[in-house]
Amino acid sequence: MLAVPLGAPPCTLRHACVSTRLNGGLPSPQVAEWAGHSVKALLEARTKCEDGQDAIARRRVEQALGYLGRA
């Protein structure tokens, strides 16, 4: 979660909210809709915000294929 100082400008708070949702693994189209952006605009502005998305994606694929929990 991003640390945002109290009294931060609205754009900072908006960025923190969008970044937290993306880092939480919510789908980009949903985050874009909630933020009032197109997916293209969202991803162009936030591509560096998605920490850990590779690991999340790999886990989801492994889970879908039934690989999680196997030795």
N, C-alpha and C. Protein backbone atom coordinates (compact mmCIF):
# COMPACT_ATOMS: atom_id res chain seq x y z
N MET A 1 0.84 -1.17 0.00
CA MET A 1 0.00 0.00 0.00
C MET A 1 0.89 1.24 0.00
N LEU A 2 0.48 2.24 -0.73
CA LEU A 2 1.25 3.47 -0.80
C LEU A 2 0.99 4.33 0.43
N ALA A 3 2.04 4.93 0.94
CA ALA A 3 1.90 5.88 2.04
C ALA A 3 1.66 7.26 1.44
N VAL A 4 0.53 7.85 1.78
CA VAL A 4 0.18 9.16 1.25
C VAL A 4 -0.02 10.11 2.43
N PRO A 5 0.68 11.25 2.43
CA PRO A 5 0.55 12.17 3.55
C PRO A 5 -0.85 12.77 3.63
N LEU A 6 -1.28 13.07 4.86
CA LEU A 6 -2.55 13.76 5.03
C LEU A 6 -2.48 15.11 4.36
N GLY A 7 -3.55 15.53 3.77
CA GLY A 7 -3.57 16.82 3.09
C GLY A 7 -2.93 16.79 1.71
N ALA A 8 -2.68 15.61 1.19
CA ALA A 8 -2.09 15.49 -0.16
C ALA A 8 -3.09 15.99 -1.18
N PRO A 9 -2.60 16.51 -2.30
CA PRO A 9 -3.52 16.97 -3.34
C PRO A 9 -4.37 15.81 -3.88
N PRO A 10 -5.57 16.11 -4.37
CA PRO A 10 -6.46 15.06 -4.87
C PRO A 10 -5.81 14.15 -5.92
N CYS A 11 -4.97 14.71 -6.78
CA CYS A 11 -4.35 13.86 -7.81
C CYS A 11 -3.44 12.81 -7.18
N THR A 12 -2.79 13.15 -6.07
CA THR A 12 -1.93 12.20 -5.36
C THR A 12 -2.77 11.09 -4.74
N LEU A 13 -3.89 11.48 -4.16
CA LEU A 13 -4.78 10.49 -3.55
C LEU A 13 -5.38 9.57 -4.62
N ARG A 14 -5.73 10.15 -5.76
CA ARG A 14 -6.28 9.36 -6.87
C ARG A 14 -5.24 8.36 -7.38
N HIS A 15 -4.00 8.84 -7.54
CA HIS A 15 -2.92 7.96 -7.98
C HIS A 15 -2.72 6.81 -6.99
N ALA A 16 -2.74 7.12 -5.70
CA ALA A 16 -2.57 6.09 -4.68
C ALA A 16 -3.68 5.05 -4.75
N CYS A 17 -4.90 5.52 -4.95
CA CYS A 17 -6.05 4.61 -5.04
C CYS A 17 -5.93 3.69 -6.25
N VAL A 18 -5.65 4.27 -7.40
CA VAL A 18 -5.53 3.47 -8.63
C VAL A 18 -4.36 2.50 -8.52
N SER A 19 -3.22 2.97 -8.03
CA SER A 19 -2.05 2.11 -7.91
C SER A 19 -2.29 0.96 -6.94
N THR A 20 -2.97 1.24 -5.83
CA THR A 20 -3.26 0.20 -4.85
C THR A 20 -4.17 -0.86 -5.45
N ARG A 21 -5.15 -0.44 -6.23
CA ARG A 21 -6.05 -1.40 -6.87
C ARG A 21 -5.30 -2.26 -7.88
N LEU A 22 -4.44 -1.64 -8.69
CA LEU A 22 -3.65 -2.41 -9.67
C LEU A 22 -2.71 -3.38 -8.96
N ASN A 23 -2.02 -2.90 -7.93
CA ASN A 23 -1.09 -3.76 -7.20
C ASN A 23 -1.82 -4.86 -6.44
N GLY A 24 -3.10 -4.63 -6.14
CA GLY A 24 -3.90 -5.65 -5.48
C GLY A 24 -4.39 -6.73 -6.42
N GLY A 25 -4.10 -6.56 -7.71
CA GLY A 25 -4.45 -7.59 -8.68
C GLY A 25 -5.80 -7.40 -9.35
N LEU A 26 -6.46 -6.27 -9.13
CA LEU A 26 -7.71 -6.04 -9.84
C LEU A 26 -7.44 -5.91 -11.33
N PRO A 27 -8.35 -6.36 -12.15
CA PRO A 27 -8.16 -6.26 -13.60
C PRO A 27 -8.11 -4.79 -14.05
N SER A 28 -7.20 -4.50 -14.95
CA SER A 28 -7.04 -3.13 -15.45
C SER A 28 -8.32 -2.54 -16.01
N PRO A 29 -9.15 -3.31 -16.75
CA PRO A 29 -10.39 -2.71 -17.25
C PRO A 29 -11.32 -2.23 -16.13
N GLN A 30 -11.37 -2.99 -15.04
CA GLN A 30 -12.23 -2.59 -13.92
C GLN A 30 -11.69 -1.33 -13.24
N VAL A 31 -10.39 -1.30 -13.00
CA VAL A 31 -9.77 -0.12 -12.37
C VAL A 31 -9.96 1.10 -13.27
N ALA A 32 -9.79 0.93 -14.56
CA ALA A 32 -9.96 2.04 -15.50
C ALA A 32 -11.39 2.56 -15.45
N GLU A 33 -12.35 1.67 -15.42
CA GLU A 33 -13.75 2.09 -15.38
C GLU A 33 -14.03 2.89 -14.11
N TRP A 34 -13.59 2.38 -12.97
CA TRP A 34 -13.81 3.08 -11.70
C TRP A 34 -13.13 4.44 -11.67
N ALA A 35 -11.98 4.54 -12.33
CA ALA A 35 -11.23 5.80 -12.33
C ALA A 35 -11.70 6.76 -13.42
N GLY A 36 -12.54 6.28 -14.33
CA GLY A 36 -13.00 7.13 -15.42
C GLY A 36 -11.98 7.29 -16.53
N HIS A 37 -11.10 6.30 -16.67
CA HIS A 37 -10.07 6.31 -17.71
C HIS A 37 -10.39 5.25 -18.76
N SER A 38 -9.75 5.36 -19.91
CA SER A 38 -9.70 4.22 -20.82
C SER A 38 -8.59 3.31 -20.29
N VAL A 39 -8.63 2.05 -20.68
CA VAL A 39 -7.56 1.13 -20.26
C VAL A 39 -6.22 1.62 -20.80
N LYS A 40 -6.21 2.10 -22.03
CA LYS A 40 -4.97 2.59 -22.63
C LYS A 40 -4.38 3.73 -21.81
N ALA A 41 -5.20 4.70 -21.45
CA ALA A 41 -4.72 5.84 -20.66
C ALA A 41 -4.24 5.39 -19.29
N LEU A 42 -4.98 4.47 -18.69
CA LEU A 42 -4.61 3.96 -17.37
C LEU A 42 -3.24 3.30 -17.41
N LEU A 43 -3.05 2.42 -18.38
CA LEU A 43 -1.79 1.68 -18.44
C LEU A 43 -0.61 2.56 -18.85
N GLU A 44 -0.86 3.56 -19.69
CA GLU A 44 0.23 4.47 -20.05
C GLU A 44 0.70 5.27 -18.85
N ALA A 45 -0.22 5.63 -17.98
CA ALA A 45 0.12 6.45 -16.82
C ALA A 45 0.61 5.62 -15.64
N ARG A 46 0.26 4.36 -15.59
CA ARG A 46 0.51 3.56 -14.38
C ARG A 46 1.38 2.33 -14.59
N THR A 47 2.07 2.21 -15.70
CA THR A 47 2.81 0.97 -15.97
C THR A 47 3.86 0.67 -14.93
N LYS A 48 4.42 1.68 -14.29
CA LYS A 48 5.45 1.44 -13.28
C LYS A 48 4.87 1.17 -11.90
N CYS A 49 3.55 1.15 -11.78
CA CYS A 49 2.90 0.96 -10.49
C CYS A 49 2.60 -0.49 -10.16
N GLU A 50 2.66 -1.35 -11.12
CA GLU A 50 2.18 -2.70 -10.93
C GLU A 50 3.25 -3.64 -10.38
N ASP A 51 3.66 -3.39 -9.14
CA ASP A 51 4.65 -4.22 -8.47
C ASP A 51 4.11 -5.62 -8.26
N GLY A 52 4.92 -6.61 -8.57
CA GLY A 52 4.56 -7.98 -8.28
C GLY A 52 3.54 -8.61 -9.20
N GLN A 53 3.16 -7.94 -10.27
CA GLN A 53 2.13 -8.48 -11.14
C GLN A 53 2.58 -9.76 -11.85
N ASP A 54 3.86 -9.89 -12.13
CA ASP A 54 4.35 -11.10 -12.78
C ASP A 54 4.10 -12.32 -11.89
N ALA A 55 4.43 -12.20 -10.63
CA ALA A 55 4.23 -13.31 -9.69
C ALA A 55 2.75 -13.63 -9.53
N ILE A 56 1.91 -12.62 -9.47
CA ILE A 56 0.47 -12.83 -9.34
C ILE A 56 -0.06 -13.55 -10.57
N ALA A 57 0.35 -13.11 -11.75
CA ALA A 57 -0.11 -13.74 -12.99
C ALA A 57 0.32 -15.20 -13.06
N ARG A 58 1.57 -15.46 -12.71
CA ARG A 58 2.06 -16.85 -12.74
C ARG A 58 1.27 -17.74 -11.78
N ARG A 59 0.99 -17.22 -10.58
CA ARG A 59 0.21 -17.98 -9.60
C ARG A 59 -1.18 -18.28 -10.12
N ARG A 60 -1.81 -17.31 -10.77
CA ARG A 60 -3.16 -17.52 -11.31
C ARG A 60 -3.16 -18.58 -12.42
N VAL A 61 -2.15 -18.55 -13.28
CA VAL A 61 -2.06 -19.55 -14.34
C VAL A 61 -1.83 -20.93 -13.73
N GLU A 62 -0.92 -21.02 -12.77
CA GLU A 62 -0.66 -22.30 -12.12
C GLU A 62 -1.91 -22.83 -11.42
N GLN A 63 -2.63 -21.93 -10.77
CA GLN A 63 -3.86 -22.35 -10.09
C GLN A 63 -4.88 -22.85 -11.11
N ALA A 64 -5.03 -22.13 -12.21
CA ALA A 64 -6.01 -22.54 -13.24
C ALA A 64 -5.64 -23.90 -13.84
N LEU A 65 -4.35 -24.17 -13.93
CA LEU A 65 -3.90 -25.44 -14.49
C LEU A 65 -3.80 -26.54 -13.44
N GLY A 66 -4.05 -26.20 -12.19
CA GLY A 66 -4.03 -27.20 -11.13
C GLY A 66 -2.64 -27.52 -10.63
N TYR A 67 -1.66 -26.63 -10.85
CA TYR A 67 -0.30 -26.91 -10.44
C TYR A 67 0.00 -26.53 -8.99
N LEU A 68 -0.78 -25.66 -8.40
CA LEU A 68 -0.50 -25.23 -7.03
C LEU A 68 -0.66 -26.38 -6.07
N GLY A 69 0.25 -26.47 -5.13
CA GLY A 69 0.19 -27.52 -4.13
C GLY A 69 0.86 -28.81 -4.54
N ARG A 70 1.39 -28.88 -5.76
CA ARG A 70 2.10 -30.09 -6.19
C ARG A 70 3.58 -29.95 -5.91
N ALA A 71 4.22 -31.04 -5.66
CA ALA A 71 5.68 -31.02 -5.41
C ALA A 71 6.44 -31.10 -6.69
